[in-house]
């Protein structure tokens, strides 16, 4: 391991340790993994054969290899909303997803005080974060850490939204101009802004910090 990498990892561990203590005070559990592969191994150690699994729109879920690992395991019930095409199938899929054993997502930002800061358009992802699935796993690269909620919202407007808009071709101002204008466009991605400052259900939300740059 290069010296610079060792130094960065040591700094990540120290920062993560502080954030994890804050998360625990807020009813959420926190974990640090140096690499994505370690994160996959950790999360799978929590799971059982036959568990149902679903996820929100998350590049981190794919980039870590978590999605492929769970699919290839062949022992979980994977609830992929993309497979539901008719209104009836979509309603049935939603019912199944709200009662899933595991819901995977990332965070748009995570404060040093242990708060999750997220935006959503359709709000499928935020709905399942707030209520429903038995366990929520938030996978977050260390690049998602910010000083406070205000900095988290700034990150969303200057980094998250422009990059996701370009990926999803939303034709919103953040795609066209590359700058958030707090729009009310048809495909607005920030219809809801949610700050998760506490969980009343201990250990339901598990935040896995990963010593890599992941997602947007």
Protein backbone atom coordinates (compact mmCIF):
# COMPACT_ATOMS: atom_id res chain seq x y z
CA UNK A 1 0.00 0.00 0.00
CA UNK A 2 1.41 3.40 -0.98
CA UNK A 3 2.22 5.80 1.84
CA UNK A 4 -0.35 8.33 0.59
CA UNK A 5 -3.01 5.63 0.57
CA UNK A 6 -2.06 4.53 4.07
CA UNK A 7 -2.31 8.11 5.27
CA UNK A 8 -5.70 8.62 3.65
CA UNK A 9 -7.01 5.38 5.12
CA UNK A 10 -5.82 6.34 8.61
CA UNK A 11 -7.59 9.68 8.28
CA UNK A 12 -10.75 7.97 7.00
CA UNK A 13 -10.75 5.58 9.96
CA UNK A 14 -10.38 8.41 12.46
CA UNK A 15 -13.16 10.46 10.87
CA UNK A 16 -15.44 7.45 10.48
CA UNK A 17 -14.93 6.54 14.15
CA UNK A 18 -16.20 9.96 15.19
CA UNK A 19 -19.20 9.83 12.84
CA UNK A 20 -20.09 6.30 13.95
CA UNK A 21 -20.30 7.45 17.58
CA UNK A 22 -22.69 10.21 16.50
CA UNK A 23 -24.81 7.77 14.51
CA UNK A 24 -25.11 5.45 17.50
CA UNK A 25 -26.39 8.30 19.65
CA UNK A 26 -29.03 8.88 16.99
CA UNK A 27 -30.36 5.30 17.00
CA UNK A 28 -28.44 4.24 13.89
CA UNK A 29 -25.46 1.89 13.70
CA UNK A 30 -22.29 2.83 11.87
CA UNK A 31 -19.53 0.69 10.38
CA UNK A 32 -16.32 1.44 8.51
CA UNK A 33 -14.85 -0.69 5.73
CA UNK A 34 -11.63 0.20 3.94
CA UNK A 35 -12.84 -1.24 0.63
CA UNK A 36 -16.02 -2.12 -1.20
CA UNK A 37 -15.21 -5.83 -1.03
CA UNK A 38 -14.97 -5.59 2.76
CA UNK A 39 -18.34 -3.85 2.82
CA UNK A 40 -19.94 -6.61 0.76
CA UNK A 41 -18.52 -9.26 3.11
CA UNK A 42 -19.71 -7.38 6.20
CA UNK A 43 -23.25 -6.85 4.96
CA UNK A 44 -23.64 -10.42 3.79
CA UNK A 45 -22.64 -11.59 7.29
CA UNK A 46 -25.81 -9.90 8.56
CA UNK A 47 -28.12 -11.61 6.09
CA UNK A 48 -29.84 -14.99 5.99
CA UNK A 49 -30.81 -17.34 3.20
CA UNK A 50 -34.26 -16.50 1.88
CA UNK A 51 -34.17 -12.84 2.97
CA UNK A 52 -35.95 -10.41 0.65
CA UNK A 53 -33.83 -7.59 -0.78
CA UNK A 54 -34.72 -4.38 -2.55
CA UNK A 55 -32.94 -1.12 -3.35
CA UNK A 56 -33.39 2.48 -4.42
CA UNK A 57 -31.69 4.27 -7.27
CA UNK A 58 -28.06 4.08 -6.18
CA UNK A 59 -24.87 4.06 -8.19
CA UNK A 60 -22.98 3.11 -5.02
CA UNK A 61 -25.04 -0.08 -4.66
CA UNK A 62 -23.72 -1.10 -8.09
CA UNK A 63 -20.19 0.35 -7.86
CA UNK A 64 -19.38 -1.54 -4.65
CA UNK A 65 -20.34 -4.83 -6.30
CA UNK A 66 -23.06 -5.31 -3.68
CA UNK A 67 -25.87 -5.75 -6.21
CA UNK A 68 -24.00 -8.34 -8.26
CA UNK A 69 -22.86 -10.21 -5.14
CA UNK A 70 -26.42 -10.51 -3.81
CA UNK A 71 -27.79 -11.55 -7.20
CA UNK A 72 -25.05 -14.13 -7.76
CA UNK A 73 -25.51 -15.60 -4.29
CA UNK A 74 -28.79 -17.08 -5.49
CA UNK A 75 -30.19 -17.37 -1.97
CA UNK A 76 -32.04 -14.08 -1.61
CA UNK A 77 -35.39 -12.93 -2.93
CA UNK A 78 -34.44 -9.96 -5.10
CA UNK A 79 -37.24 -7.41 -5.47
CA UNK A 80 -36.30 -5.32 -8.51
CA UNK A 81 -38.85 -2.60 -9.23
CA UNK A 82 -37.66 -2.47 -12.86
CA UNK A 83 -39.23 -5.89 -13.48
CA UNK A 84 -42.75 -4.60 -12.72
CA UNK A 85 -44.22 -3.17 -15.90
CA UNK A 86 -48.02 -3.06 -15.54
CA UNK A 87 -49.84 -0.94 -12.94
CA UNK A 88 -50.96 -4.12 -11.18
CA UNK A 89 -47.42 -5.50 -11.06
CA UNK A 90 -46.10 -2.17 -9.81
CA UNK A 91 -48.62 -2.07 -6.96
CA UNK A 92 -47.79 -5.64 -5.97
CA UNK A 93 -44.06 -4.90 -6.18
CA UNK A 94 -44.49 -1.85 -3.95
CA UNK A 95 -46.32 -3.91 -1.33
CA UNK A 96 -43.52 -6.49 -1.38
CA UNK A 97 -40.78 -3.87 -1.21
CA UNK A 98 -42.27 -2.05 1.78
CA UNK A 99 -42.10 -5.29 3.77
CA UNK A 100 -38.64 -6.35 2.54
CA UNK A 101 -36.05 -7.65 4.97
CA UNK A 102 -33.34 -5.42 3.51
CA UNK A 103 -33.43 -2.11 1.68
CA UNK A 104 -30.19 -0.78 0.14
CA UNK A 105 -29.48 2.84 -0.72
CA UNK A 106 -26.78 5.45 -0.47
CA UNK A 107 -26.98 8.96 0.96
CA UNK A 108 -26.61 12.19 -0.97
CA UNK A 109 -24.68 13.47 2.03
CA UNK A 110 -23.79 12.41 5.56
CA UNK A 111 -22.88 15.04 8.15
CA UNK A 112 -20.08 14.79 10.66
CA UNK A 113 -22.81 14.92 13.29
CA UNK A 114 -24.34 11.70 11.98
CA UNK A 115 -27.29 13.04 9.98
CA UNK A 116 -28.39 11.72 6.58
CA UNK A 117 -29.26 14.38 3.99
CA UNK A 118 -31.21 13.22 0.94
CA UNK A 119 -33.32 14.52 -1.92
CA UNK A 120 -35.69 12.60 -4.15
CA UNK A 121 -38.03 13.10 -7.07
CA UNK A 122 -40.57 10.28 -7.02
CA UNK A 123 -39.47 9.64 -3.44
CA UNK A 124 -39.53 5.85 -3.71
CA UNK A 125 -36.10 5.75 -2.08
CA UNK A 126 -36.95 8.13 0.73
CA UNK A 127 -40.26 6.41 1.45
CA UNK A 128 -38.49 3.13 2.13
CA UNK A 129 -35.79 4.83 4.18
CA UNK A 130 -38.39 6.39 6.44
CA UNK A 131 -40.71 3.45 6.94
CA UNK A 132 -41.30 -0.13 5.89
CA UNK A 133 -38.36 -2.51 5.36
CA UNK A 134 -37.01 -4.23 8.47
CA UNK A 135 -33.44 -3.09 7.79
CA UNK A 136 -31.99 -0.21 5.80
CA UNK A 137 -28.35 -0.36 4.68
CA UNK A 138 -26.87 2.98 3.66
CA UNK A 139 -23.66 2.50 1.65
CA UNK A 140 -21.62 5.70 1.55
CA UNK A 141 -18.18 6.49 0.23
CA UNK A 142 -16.16 8.90 2.34
CA UNK A 143 -16.70 11.51 -0.39
CA UNK A 144 -20.28 11.86 0.91
CA UNK A 145 -19.17 13.33 4.26
CA UNK A 146 -19.95 17.00 4.83
CA UNK A 147 -19.66 19.41 7.76
CA UNK A 148 -23.36 19.95 8.40
CA UNK A 149 -26.85 19.88 6.89
CA UNK A 150 -26.34 23.18 5.07
CA UNK A 151 -23.16 21.79 3.47
CA UNK A 152 -25.08 18.62 2.58
CA UNK A 153 -27.73 20.56 0.70
CA UNK A 154 -25.02 22.57 -1.02
CA UNK A 155 -23.32 19.33 -2.08
CA UNK A 156 -26.59 18.05 -3.48
CA UNK A 157 -27.16 21.22 -5.52
CA UNK A 158 -23.61 21.55 -6.83
CA UNK A 159 -22.51 17.93 -7.23
CA UNK A 160 -25.29 15.35 -6.88
CA UNK A 161 -28.05 16.89 -8.95
CA UNK A 162 -25.97 18.01 -11.97
CA UNK A 163 -24.25 14.63 -12.25
CA UNK A 164 -27.44 12.60 -11.80
CA UNK A 165 -29.33 14.87 -14.19
CA UNK A 166 -26.68 14.29 -16.86
CA UNK A 167 -26.90 10.54 -16.23
CA UNK A 168 -30.70 10.40 -16.27
CA UNK A 169 -31.29 13.13 -18.93
CA UNK A 170 -33.90 14.94 -16.87
CA UNK A 171 -33.84 18.14 -18.95
CA UNK A 172 -33.93 20.09 -15.70
CA UNK A 173 -31.87 23.27 -15.15
CA UNK A 174 -29.24 21.25 -13.30
CA UNK A 175 -28.68 19.27 -16.51
CA UNK A 176 -29.05 22.08 -19.02
CA UNK A 177 -27.05 24.71 -17.11
CA UNK A 178 -25.24 22.45 -14.66
CA UNK A 179 -26.51 24.58 -11.79
CA UNK A 180 -29.48 24.01 -9.45
CA UNK A 181 -32.13 26.72 -9.72
CA UNK A 182 -34.55 25.21 -7.18
CA UNK A 183 -36.83 24.43 -10.11
CA UNK A 184 -40.35 23.06 -10.31
CA UNK A 185 -39.69 21.29 -13.62
CA UNK A 186 -41.68 18.23 -14.65
CA UNK A 187 -38.80 15.90 -13.79
CA UNK A 188 -37.55 17.80 -10.76
CA UNK A 189 -35.25 15.53 -8.76
CA UNK A 190 -35.50 17.39 -5.46
CA UNK A 191 -39.24 17.35 -4.81
CA UNK A 192 -38.51 16.29 -1.25
CA UNK A 193 -35.54 17.14 0.94
CA UNK A 194 -35.23 14.90 3.99
CA UNK A 195 -32.84 15.09 6.93
CA UNK A 196 -32.71 11.92 9.01
CA UNK A 197 -31.44 13.09 12.37
CA UNK A 198 -32.64 10.17 14.50
CA UNK A 199 -34.14 6.69 14.20
CA UNK A 200 -36.67 5.57 16.80
CA UNK A 201 -35.95 1.95 15.87
CA UNK A 202 -32.47 1.07 17.11
CA UNK A 203 -30.20 -0.51 14.50
CA UNK A 204 -32.84 -0.45 11.75
CA UNK A 205 -30.66 1.97 9.77
CA UNK A 206 -27.11 0.73 9.32
CA UNK A 207 -24.64 3.13 7.73
CA UNK A 208 -21.58 1.53 6.12
CA UNK A 209 -18.84 4.08 5.46
CA UNK A 210 -16.38 2.93 2.80
CA UNK A 211 -12.87 4.32 2.35
CA UNK A 212 -13.40 5.05 -1.35
CA UNK A 213 -15.01 7.70 -3.56
CA UNK A 214 -18.34 6.20 -4.58
CA UNK A 215 -21.48 7.39 -6.31
CA UNK A 216 -22.55 11.00 -6.69
